[in-house]
Amino acid sequence: MQVKGWSIDQAATYLHEERPLNSYDETKGWAADLASSPASGVETYPIDGLQYETARKRAQTALGSRFDSRAYHQMILSEGALPISALTAKIDRWIVTQR
């Protein structure tokens, strides 16, 4: 939110699109919590967030219509928290396997 300059509604819409299994009201609650206490979320690390966003766009561009958002997120989360350099390498390997 802080990096993009988004309102709570804009952040809630984004979160809901990225996490369709969660209700809009739930994602709006998360966005409101982040707005009131930005240190509570991962969004306080804007450099990693921007690198993650760039890697996702790279995967979407490379795979086009074959890009599966759910499969992508399962792959991202499968090993838990990783340093951004390890995550980027993992994304690159995943792109190759999805072609």
PDB file of N, CA and C in Angstrom:
ATOM      1  N   MET A   1       0.826  -1.182   0.000  1.00  0.00           N
ATOM      2  CA  MET A   1       0.000   0.000   0.000  1.00  0.00           C
ATOM      3  C   MET A   1       0.876   1.253   0.000  1.00  0.00           C
ATOM      4  N   GLN A   2       1.892   1.220   0.840  1.00  0.00           N
ATOM      5  CA  GLN A   2       2.727   2.408   0.956  1.00  0.00           C
ATOM      6  C   GLN A   2       3.505   2.667  -0.321  1.00  0.00           C
ATOM      7  N   VAL A   3       4.024   1.619  -0.934  1.00  0.00           N
ATOM      8  CA  VAL A   3       4.831   1.776  -2.142  1.00  0.00           C
ATOM      9  C   VAL A   3       3.975   2.236  -3.309  1.00  0.00           C
ATOM     10  N   LYS A   4       2.793   1.655  -3.462  1.00  0.00           N
ATOM     11  CA  LYS A   4       1.910   1.980  -4.583  1.00  0.00           C
ATOM     12  C   LYS A   4       1.050   3.216  -4.324  1.00  0.00           C
ATOM     13  N   GLY A   5       0.969   3.645  -3.074  1.00  0.00           N
ATOM     14  CA  GLY A   5       0.116   4.779  -2.744  1.00  0.00           C
ATOM     15  C   GLY A   5      -1.358   4.426  -2.827  1.00  0.00           C
ATOM     16  N   TRP A   6      -1.702   3.168  -2.552  1.00  0.00           N
ATOM     17  CA  TRP A   6      -3.076   2.694  -2.687  1.00  0.00           C
ATOM     18  C   TRP A   6      -3.927   3.060  -1.483  1.00  0.00           C
ATOM     19  N   SER A   7      -5.197   3.233  -1.741  1.00  0.00           N
ATOM     20  CA  SER A   7      -6.180   3.376  -0.671  1.00  0.00           C
ATOM     21  C   SER A   7      -6.474   1.988  -0.109  1.00  0.00           C
ATOM     22  N   ILE A   8      -7.216   1.942   0.970  1.00  0.00           N
ATOM     23  CA  ILE A   8      -7.609   0.659   1.550  1.00  0.00           C
ATOM     24  C   ILE A   8      -8.433  -0.139   0.543  1.00  0.00           C
ATOM     25  N   ASP A   9      -9.345   0.526  -0.168  1.00  0.00           N
ATOM     26  CA  ASP A   9     -10.171  -0.178  -1.154  1.00  0.00           C
ATOM     27  C   ASP A   9      -9.334  -0.743  -2.300  1.00  0.00           C
ATOM     28  N   GLN A  10      -8.358   0.024  -2.783  1.00  0.00           N
ATOM     29  CA  GLN A  10      -7.503  -0.463  -3.857  1.00  0.00           C
ATOM     30  C   GLN A  10      -6.684  -1.671  -3.397  1.00  0.00           C
ATOM     31  N   ALA A  11      -6.153  -1.600  -2.186  1.00  0.00           N
ATOM     32  CA  ALA A  11      -5.377  -2.722  -1.650  1.00  0.00           C
ATOM     33  C   ALA A  11      -6.276  -3.934  -1.436  1.00  0.00           C
ATOM     34  N   ALA A  12      -7.483  -3.726  -0.945  1.00  0.00           N
ATOM     35  CA  ALA A  12      -8.416  -4.834  -0.721  1.00  0.00           C
ATOM     36  C   ALA A  12      -8.782  -5.501  -2.039  1.00  0.00           C
ATOM     37  N   THR A  13      -9.003  -4.713  -3.066  1.00  0.00           N
ATOM     38  CA  THR A  13      -9.325  -5.276  -4.381  1.00  0.00           C
ATOM     39  C   THR A  13      -8.173  -6.122  -4.887  1.00  0.00           C
ATOM     40  N   TYR A  14      -6.951  -5.617  -4.770  1.00  0.00           N
ATOM     41  CA  TYR A  14      -5.773  -6.374  -5.196  1.00  0.00           C
ATOM     42  C   TYR A  14      -5.647  -7.679  -4.402  1.00  0.00           C
ATOM     43  N   LEU A  15      -5.766  -7.587  -3.080  1.00  0.00           N
ATOM     44  CA  LEU A  15      -5.653  -8.780  -2.249  1.00  0.00           C
ATOM     45  C   LEU A  15      -6.725  -9.801  -2.592  1.00  0.00           C
ATOM     46  N   HIS A  16      -7.920  -9.327  -2.848  1.00  0.00           N
ATOM     47  CA  HIS A  16      -9.024 -10.241  -3.185  1.00  0.00           C
ATOM     48  C   HIS A  16      -8.772 -10.922  -4.536  1.00  0.00           C
ATOM     49  N   GLU A  17      -8.235 -10.191  -5.507  1.00  0.00           N
ATOM     50  CA  GLU A  17      -7.920 -10.788  -6.806  1.00  0.00           C
ATOM     51  C   GLU A  17      -6.811 -11.832  -6.674  1.00  0.00           C
ATOM     52  N   GLU A  18      -5.843 -11.586  -5.800  1.00  0.00           N
ATOM     53  CA  GLU A  18      -4.726 -12.505  -5.619  1.00  0.00           C
ATOM     54  C   GLU A  18      -5.069 -13.679  -4.706  1.00  0.00           C
ATOM     55  N   ARG A  19      -6.068 -13.500  -3.869  1.00  0.00           N
ATOM     56  CA  ARG A  19      -6.488 -14.546  -2.930  1.00  0.00           C
ATOM     57  C   ARG A  19      -7.994 -14.742  -3.060  1.00  0.00           C
ATOM     58  N   PRO A  20      -8.425 -15.298  -4.191  1.00  0.00           N
ATOM     59  CA  PRO A  20      -9.866 -15.377  -4.460  1.00  0.00           C
ATOM     60  C   PRO A  20     -10.650 -16.242  -3.486  1.00  0.00           C
ATOM     61  N   LEU A  21      -9.984 -17.078  -2.726  1.00  0.00           N
ATOM     62  CA  LEU A  21     -10.698 -17.903  -1.758  1.00  0.00           C
ATOM     63  C   LEU A  21     -11.077 -17.123  -0.497  1.00  0.00           C
ATOM     64  N   ASN A  22     -10.474 -15.940  -0.337  1.00  0.00           N
ATOM     65  CA  ASN A  22     -10.822 -15.078   0.778  1.00  0.00           C
ATOM     66  C   ASN A  22     -11.890 -14.083   0.333  1.00  0.00           C
ATOM     67  N   SER A  23     -12.800 -13.759   1.231  1.00  0.00           N
ATOM     68  CA  SER A  23     -13.860 -12.807   0.885  1.00  0.00           C
ATOM     69  C   SER A  23     -13.282 -11.402   0.756  1.00  0.00           C
ATOM     70  N   TYR A  24     -14.012 -10.556   0.040  1.00  0.00           N
ATOM     71  CA  TYR A  24     -13.574  -9.171  -0.111  1.00  0.00           C
ATOM     72  C   TYR A  24     -13.530  -8.487   1.258  1.00  0.00           C
ATOM     73  N   ASP A  25     -14.517  -8.766   2.105  1.00  0.00           N
ATOM     74  CA  ASP A  25     -14.543  -8.150   3.433  1.00  0.00           C
ATOM     75  C   ASP A  25     -13.305  -8.534   4.251  1.00  0.00           C
ATOM     76  N   GLU A  26     -12.883  -9.794   4.109  1.00  0.00           N
ATOM     77  CA  GLU A  26     -11.693 -10.246   4.825  1.00  0.00           C
ATOM     78  C   GLU A  26     -10.449  -9.513   4.322  1.00  0.00           C
ATOM     79  N   THR A  27     -10.300  -9.419   3.004  1.00  0.00           N
ATOM     80  CA  THR A  27      -9.125  -8.730   2.460  1.00  0.00           C
ATOM     81  C   THR A  27      -9.171  -7.235   2.776  1.00  0.00           C
ATOM     82  N   LYS A  28     -10.383  -6.659   2.850  1.00  0.00           N
ATOM     83  CA  LYS A  28     -10.493  -5.243   3.230  1.00  0.00           C
ATOM     84  C   LYS A  28     -10.048  -5.061   4.675  1.00  0.00           C
ATOM     85  N   GLY A  29     -10.356  -6.036   5.524  1.00  0.00           N
ATOM     86  CA  GLY A  29      -9.893  -5.985   6.912  1.00  0.00           C
ATOM     87  C   GLY A  29      -8.381  -6.030   7.003  1.00  0.00           C
ATOM     88  N   TRP A  30      -7.761  -6.903   6.187  1.00  0.00           N
ATOM     89  CA  TRP A  30      -6.294  -6.969   6.165  1.00  0.00           C
ATOM     90  C   TRP A  30      -5.704  -5.640   5.719  1.00  0.00           C
ATOM     91  N   ALA A  31      -6.293  -5.074   4.657  1.00  0.00           N
ATOM     92  CA  ALA A  31      -5.792  -3.799   4.133  1.00  0.00           C
ATOM     93  C   ALA A  31      -5.919  -2.701   5.183  1.00  0.00           C
ATOM     94  N   ALA A  32      -7.041  -2.671   5.893  1.00  0.00           N
ATOM     95  CA  ALA A  32      -7.240  -1.668   6.936  1.00  0.00           C
ATOM     96  C   ALA A  32      -6.228  -1.856   8.059  1.00  0.00           C
ATOM     97  N   ASP A  33      -5.951  -3.112   8.422  1.00  0.00           N
ATOM     98  CA  ASP A  33      -4.940  -3.384   9.451  1.00  0.00           C
ATOM     99  C   ASP A  33      -3.569  -2.887   9.010  1.00  0.00           C
ATOM    100  N   LEU A  34      -3.225  -3.137   7.746  1.00  0.00           N
ATOM    101  CA  LEU A  34      -1.929  -2.676   7.239  1.00  0.00           C
ATOM    102  C   LEU A  34      -1.840  -1.160   7.222  1.00  0.00           C
ATOM    103  N   ALA A  35      -2.941  -0.511   6.891  1.00  0.00           N
ATOM    104  CA  ALA A  35      -2.939   0.951   6.843  1.00  0.00           C
ATOM    105  C   ALA A  35      -2.757   1.541   8.241  1.00  0.00           C
ATOM    106  N   SER A  36      -3.343   0.887   9.242  1.00  0.00           N
ATOM    107  CA  SER A  36      -3.247   1.419  10.595  1.00  0.00           C
ATOM    108  C   SER A  36      -1.941   1.050  11.285  1.00  0.00           C
ATOM    109  N   SER A  37      -1.324  -0.046  10.844  1.00  0.00           N
ATOM    110  CA  SER A  37      -0.073  -0.499  11.443  1.00  0.00           C
ATOM    111  C   SER A  37       0.801  -1.132  10.366  1.00  0.00           C
ATOM    112  N   PRO A  38       1.429  -0.319   9.514  1.00  0.00           N
ATOM    113  CA  PRO A  38       2.168  -0.854   8.378  1.00  0.00           C
ATOM    114  C   PRO A  38       3.278  -1.818   8.753  1.00  0.00           C
ATOM    115  N   ALA A  39       3.812  -1.736   9.957  1.00  0.00           N
ATOM    116  CA  ALA A  39       4.891  -2.636  10.353  1.00  0.00           C
ATOM    117  C   ALA A  39       4.400  -4.063  10.574  1.00  0.00           C
ATOM    118  N   SER A  40       3.079  -4.273  10.540  1.00  0.00           N
ATOM    119  CA  SER A  40       2.547  -5.611  10.807  1.00  0.00           C
ATOM    120  C   SER A  40       2.605  -6.526   9.595  1.00  0.00           C
ATOM    121  N   GLY A  41       2.924  -5.997   8.419  1.00  0.00           N
ATOM    122  CA  GLY A  41       2.874  -6.828   7.224  1.00  0.00           C
ATOM    123  C   GLY A  41       4.153  -6.835   6.443  1.00  0.00           C
ATOM    124  N   VAL A  42       4.232  -7.786   5.556  1.00  0.00           N
ATOM    125  CA  VAL A  42       5.387  -7.957   4.687  1.00  0.00           C
ATOM    126  C   VAL A  42       5.549  -6.756   3.752  1.00  0.00           C
ATOM    127  N   GLU A  43       4.487  -6.009   3.532  1.00  0.00           N
ATOM    128  CA  GLU A  43       4.544  -4.855   2.633  1.00  0.00           C
ATOM    129  C   GLU A  43       5.484  -3.770   3.116  1.00  0.00           C
ATOM    130  N   THR A  44       5.997  -3.898   4.332  1.00  0.00           N
ATOM    131  CA  THR A  44       6.949  -2.913   4.838  1.00  0.00           C
ATOM    132  C   THR A  44       8.328  -3.111   4.230  1.00  0.00           C
ATOM    133  N   TYR A  45       8.501  -4.149   3.430  1.00  0.00           N
ATOM    134  CA  TYR A  45       9.766  -4.412   2.773  1.00  0.00           C
ATOM    135  C   TYR A  45       9.593  -4.150   1.279  1.00  0.00           C
ATOM    136  N   PRO A  46       9.559  -2.877   0.877  1.00  0.00           N
ATOM    137  CA  PRO A  46       9.198  -2.555  -0.508  1.00  0.00           C
ATOM    138  C   PRO A  46      10.148  -3.085  -1.567  1.00  0.00           C
ATOM    139  N   ILE A  47      11.429  -3.201  -1.282  1.00  0.00           N
ATOM    140  CA  ILE A  47      12.367  -3.676  -2.298  1.00  0.00           C
ATOM    141  C   ILE A  47      12.053  -5.120  -2.658  1.00  0.00           C
ATOM    142  N   ASP A  48      11.912  -5.994  -1.653  1.00  0.00           N
ATOM    143  CA  ASP A  48      11.557  -7.385  -1.927  1.00  0.00           C
ATOM    144  C   ASP A  48      10.191  -7.483  -2.595  1.00  0.00           C
ATOM    145  N   GLY A  49       9.264  -6.655  -2.170  1.00  0.00           N
ATOM    146  CA  GLY A  49       7.934  -6.660  -2.773  1.00  0.00           C
ATOM    147  C   GLY A  49       7.985  -6.317  -4.250  1.00  0.00           C
ATOM    148  N   LEU A  50       8.786  -5.327  -4.594  1.00  0.00           N
ATOM    149  CA  LEU A  50       8.923  -4.942  -6.002  1.00  0.00           C
ATOM    150  C   LEU A  50       9.635  -6.037  -6.792  1.00  0.00           C
ATOM    151  N   GLN A  51      10.620  -6.682  -6.193  1.00  0.00           N
ATOM    152  CA  GLN A  51      11.313  -7.780  -6.876  1.00  0.00           C
ATOM    153  C   GLN A  51      10.369  -8.960  -7.084  1.00  0.00           C
ATOM    154  N   TYR A  52       9.544  -9.239  -6.097  1.00  0.00           N
ATOM    155  CA  TYR A  52       8.557 -10.311  -6.227  1.00  0.00           C
ATOM    156  C   TYR A  52       7.577  -9.986  -7.356  1.00  0.00           C
ATOM    157  N   GLU A  53       7.098  -8.751  -7.384  1.00  0.00           N
ATOM    158  CA  GLU A  53       6.157  -8.337  -8.429  1.00  0.00           C
ATOM    159  C   GLU A  53       6.797  -8.447  -9.814  1.00  0.00           C
ATOM    160  N   THR A  54       8.056  -8.056  -9.935  1.00  0.00           N
ATOM    161  CA  THR A  54       8.774  -8.157 -11.200  1.00  0.00           C
ATOM    162  C   THR A  54       8.915  -9.619 -11.634  1.00  0.00           C
ATOM    163  N   ALA A  55       9.230 -10.502 -10.686  1.00  0.00           N
ATOM    164  CA  ALA A  55       9.378 -11.927 -11.009  1.00  0.00           C
ATOM    165  C   ALA A  55       8.044 -12.517 -11.459  1.00  0.00           C
ATOM    166  N   ARG A  56       6.957 -12.130 -10.805  1.00  0.00           N
ATOM    167  CA  ARG A  56       5.634 -12.632 -11.206  1.00  0.00           C
ATOM    168  C   ARG A  56       5.293 -12.164 -12.622  1.00  0.00           C
ATOM    169  N   LYS A  57       5.552 -10.905 -12.905  1.00  0.00           N
ATOM    170  CA  LYS A  57       5.279 -10.385 -14.250  1.00  0.00           C
ATOM    171  C   LYS A  57       6.140 -11.100 -15.291  1.00  0.00           C
ATOM    172  N   ARG A  58       7.384 -11.403 -14.926  1.00  0.00           N
ATOM    173  CA  ARG A  58       8.260 -12.136 -15.830  1.00  0.00           C
ATOM    174  C   ARG A  58       7.675 -13.515 -16.126  1.00  0.00           C
ATOM    175  N   ALA A  59       7.166 -14.178 -15.104  1.00  0.00           N
ATOM    176  CA  ALA A  59       6.545 -15.496 -15.292  1.00  0.00           C
ATOM    177  C   ALA A  59       5.290 -15.380 -16.153  1.00  0.00           C
ATOM    178  N   GLN A  60       4.473 -14.378 -15.890  1.00  0.00           N
ATOM    179  CA  GLN A  60       3.253 -14.190 -16.683  1.00  0.00           C
ATOM    180  C   GLN A  60       3.580 -13.921 -18.145  1.00  0.00           C
ATOM    181  N   THR A  61       4.577 -13.102 -18.392  1.00  0.00           N
ATOM    182  CA  THR A  61       4.975 -12.782 -19.759  1.00  0.00           C
ATOM    183  C   THR A  61       5.558 -14.011 -20.456  1.00  0.00           C
ATOM    184  N   ALA A  62       6.415 -14.734 -19.754  1.00  0.00           N
ATOM    185  CA  ALA A  62       7.060 -15.902 -20.355  1.00  0.00           C
ATOM    186  C   ALA A  62       6.061 -17.011 -20.680  1.00  0.00           C
ATOM    187  N   LEU A  63       5.059 -17.170 -19.829  1.00  0.00           N
ATOM    188  CA  LEU A  63       4.127 -18.283 -20.008  1.00  0.00           C
ATOM    189  C   LEU A  63       2.831 -17.903 -20.712  1.00  0.00           C
ATOM    190  N   GLY A  64       2.531 -16.631 -20.767  1.00  0.00           N
ATOM    191  CA  GLY A  64       1.303 -16.188 -21.444  1.00  0.00           C
ATOM    192  C   GLY A  64       0.074 -16.884 -20.882  1.00  0.00           C
ATOM    193  N   SER A  65      -0.718 -17.482 -21.760  1.00  0.00           N
ATOM    194  CA  SER A  65      -1.965 -18.123 -21.337  1.00  0.00           C
ATOM    195  C   SER A  65      -1.723 -19.385 -20.506  1.00  0.00           C
ATOM    196  N   ARG A  66      -0.498 -19.886 -20.501  1.00  0.00           N
ATOM    197  CA  ARG A  66      -0.178 -21.075 -19.692  1.00  0.00           C
ATOM    198  C   ARG A  66       0.099 -20.720 -18.226  1.00  0.00           C
ATOM    199  N   PHE A  67       0.184 -19.430 -17.936  1.00  0.00           N
ATOM    200  CA  PHE A  67       0.432 -19.011 -16.552  1.00  0.00           C
ATOM    201  C   PHE A  67      -0.789 -19.347 -15.701  1.00  0.00           C
ATOM    202  N   ASP A  68      -0.565 -20.099 -14.635  1.00  0.00           N
ATOM    203  CA  ASP A  68      -1.622 -20.504 -13.709  1.00  0.00           C
ATOM    204  C   ASP A  68      -1.315 -19.871 -12.351  1.00  0.00           C
ATOM    205  N   SER A  69      -2.113 -18.886 -11.975  1.00  0.00           N
ATOM    206  CA  SER A  69      -1.871 -18.136 -10.743  1.00  0.00           C
ATOM    207  C   SER A  69      -1.845 -19.040  -9.514  1.00  0.00           C
ATOM    208  N   ARG A  70      -2.761 -19.990  -9.443  1.00  0.00           N
ATOM    209  CA  ARG A  70      -2.797 -20.878  -8.271  1.00  0.00           C
ATOM    210  C   ARG A  70      -1.567 -21.767  -8.211  1.00  0.00           C
ATOM    211  N   ALA A  71      -1.158 -22.323  -9.331  1.00  0.00           N
ATOM    212  CA  ALA A  71       0.044 -23.159  -9.362  1.00  0.00           C
ATOM    213  C   ALA A  71       1.275 -22.325  -8.995  1.00  0.00           C
ATOM    214  N   TYR A  72       1.303 -21.089  -9.489  1.00  0.00           N
ATOM    215  CA  TYR A  72       2.412 -20.186  -9.181  1.00  0.00           C
ATOM    216  C   TYR A  72       2.514 -19.960  -7.670  1.00  0.00           C
ATOM    217  N   HIS A  73       1.393 -19.652  -7.051  1.00  0.00           N
ATOM    218  CA  HIS A  73       1.410 -19.370  -5.618  1.00  0.00           C
ATOM    219  C   HIS A  73       1.709 -20.626  -4.794  1.00  0.00           C
ATOM    220  N   GLN A  74       1.246 -21.777  -5.231  1.00  0.00           N
ATOM    221  CA  GLN A  74       1.598 -23.016  -4.536  1.00  0.00           C
ATOM    222  C   GLN A  74       3.109 -23.250  -4.603  1.00  0.00           C
ATOM    223  N   MET A  75       3.687 -22.998  -5.780  1.00  0.00           N
ATOM    224  CA  MET A  75       5.126 -23.156  -5.937  1.00  0.00           C
ATOM    225  C   MET A  75       5.869 -22.172  -5.037  1.00  0.00           C
ATOM    226  N   ILE A  76       5.424 -20.938  -4.999  1.00  0.00           N
ATOM    227  CA  ILE A  76       6.077 -19.914  -4.178  1.00  0.00           C
ATOM    228  C   ILE A  76       6.076 -20.312  -2.702  1.00  0.00           C
ATOM    229  N   LEU A  77       4.951 -20.840  -2.242  1.00  0.00           N
ATOM    230  CA  LEU A  77       4.791 -21.125  -0.817  1.00  0.00           C
ATOM    231  C   LEU A  77       5.277 -22.510  -0.387  1.00  0.00           C
ATOM    232  N   SER A  78       5.612 -23.360  -1.341  1.00  0.00           N
ATOM    233  CA  SER A  78       5.895 -24.764  -1.031  1.00  0.00           C
ATOM    234  C   SER A  78       7.067 -24.979  -0.077  1.00  0.00           C
ATOM    235  N   GLU A  79       8.046 -24.115  -0.069  1.00  0.00           N
ATOM    236  CA  GLU A  79       9.217 -24.288   0.799  1.00  0.00           C
ATOM    237  C   GLU A  79       9.260 -23.284   1.938  1.00  0.00           C
ATOM    238  N   GLY A  80       8.198 -22.541   2.112  1.00  0.00           N
ATOM    239  CA  GLY A  80       8.186 -21.526   3.166  1.00  0.00           C
ATOM    240  C   GLY A  80       8.964 -20.285   2.750  1.00  0.00           C
ATOM    241  N   ALA A  81       9.339 -19.504   3.730  1.00  0.00           N
ATOM    242  CA  ALA A  81      10.033 -18.244   3.473  1.00  0.00           C
ATOM    243  C   ALA A  81      11.429 -18.496   2.918  1.00  0.00           C
ATOM    244  N   LEU A  82      11.751 -17.783   1.856  1.00  0.00           N
ATOM    245  CA  LEU A  82      13.067 -17.879   1.229  1.00  0.00           C
ATOM    246  C   LEU A  82      13.618 -16.472   1.023  1.00  0.00           C
ATOM    247  N   PRO A  83      14.937 -16.322   1.016  1.00  0.00           N
ATOM    248  CA  PRO A  83      15.512 -15.036   0.625  1.00  0.00           C
ATOM    249  C   PRO A  83      15.097 -14.728  -0.811  1.00  0.00           C
ATOM    250  N   ILE A  84      14.980 -13.459  -1.143  1.00  0.00           N
ATOM    251  CA  ILE A  84      14.479 -13.077  -2.467  1.00  0.00           C
ATOM    252  C   ILE A  84      15.346 -13.655  -3.583  1.00  0.00           C
ATOM    253  N   SER A  85      16.651 -13.760  -3.376  1.00  0.00           N
ATOM    254  CA  SER A  85      17.518 -14.324  -4.432  1.00  0.00           C
ATOM    255  C   SER A  85      17.190 -15.798  -4.679  1.00  0.00           C
ATOM    256  N   ALA A  86      16.937 -16.555  -3.611  1.00  0.00           N
ATOM    257  CA  ALA A  86      16.570 -17.962  -3.763  1.00  0.00           C
ATOM    258  C   ALA A  86      15.186 -18.094  -4.386  1.00  0.00           C
ATOM    259  N   LEU A  87      14.269 -17.217  -3.994  1.00  0.00           N
ATOM    260  CA  LEU A  87      12.923 -17.248  -4.553  1.00  0.00           C
ATOM    261  C   LEU A  87      12.937 -16.917  -6.039  1.00  0.00           C
ATOM    262  N   THR A  88      13.736 -15.939  -6.426  1.00  0.00           N
ATOM    263  CA  THR A  88      13.842 -15.562  -7.836  1.00  0.00           C
ATOM    264  C   THR A  88      14.388 -16.729  -8.660  1.00  0.00           C
ATOM    265  N   ALA A  89      15.401 -17.407  -8.160  1.00  0.00           N
ATOM    266  CA  ALA A  89      15.960 -18.569  -8.862  1.00  0.00           C
ATOM    267  C   ALA A  89      14.916 -19.678  -8.962  1.00  0.00           C
ATOM    268  N   LYS A  90      14.146 -19.869  -7.906  1.00  0.00           N
ATOM    269  CA  LYS A  90      13.097 -20.884  -7.913  1.00  0.00           C
ATOM    270  C   LYS A  90      12.037 -20.547  -8.964  1.00  0.00           C
ATOM    271  N   ILE A  91      11.667 -19.292  -9.055  1.00  0.00           N
ATOM    272  CA  ILE A  91      10.682 -18.852 -10.060  1.00  0.00           C
ATOM    273  C   ILE A  91      11.228 -19.103 -11.459  1.00  0.00           C
ATOM    274  N   ASP A  92      12.488 -18.783 -11.673  1.00  0.00           N
ATOM    275  CA  ASP A  92      13.098 -19.008 -12.988  1.00  0.00           C
ATOM    276  C   ASP A  92      13.063 -20.494 -13.371  1.00  0.00           C
ATOM    277  N   ARG A  93      13.371 -21.360 -12.419  1.00  0.00           N
ATOM    278  CA  ARG A  93      13.316 -22.799 -12.684  1.00  0.00           C
ATOM    279  C   ARG A  93      11.889 -23.244 -12.981  1.00  0.00           C
ATOM    280  N   TRP A  94      10.922 -22.701 -12.255  1.00  0.00           N
ATOM    281  CA  TRP A  94       9.522 -23.059 -12.451  1.00  0.00           C
ATOM    282  C   TRP A  94       9.055 -22.650 -13.844  1.00  0.00           C
ATOM    283  N   ILE A  95       9.457 -21.469 -14.289  1.00  0.00           N
ATOM    284  CA  ILE A  95       9.075 -20.999 -15.632  1.00  0.00           C
ATOM    285  C   ILE A  95       9.530 -22.020 -16.673  1.00  0.00           C
ATOM    286  N   VAL A  96      10.751 -22.512 -16.561  1.00  0.00           N
ATOM    287  CA  VAL A  96      11.285 -23.487 -17.515  1.00  0.00           C
ATOM    288  C   VAL A  96      10.438 -24.763 -17.508  1.00  0.00           C
ATOM    289  N   THR A  97      10.025 -25.212 -16.328  1.00  0.00           N
ATOM    290  CA  THR A  97       9.255 -26.466 -16.263  1.00  0.00           C
ATOM    291  C   THR A  97       7.833 -26.309 -16.774  1.00  0.00           C
ATOM    292  N   GLN A  98       7.332 -25.086 -16.840  1.00  0.00           N
ATOM    293  CA  GLN A  98       5.948 -24.864 -17.279  1.00  0.00           C
ATOM    294  C   GLN A  98       5.815 -24.636 -18.780  1.00  0.00           C
ATOM    295  N   ARG A  99       6.931 -24.481 -19.458  1.00  0.00           N
ATOM    296  CA  ARG A  99       6.874 -24.212 -20.915  1.00  0.00           C
ATOM    297  C   ARG A  99       6.501 -25.413 -21.712  1.00  0.00           C
TER     298      ARG A  99
END
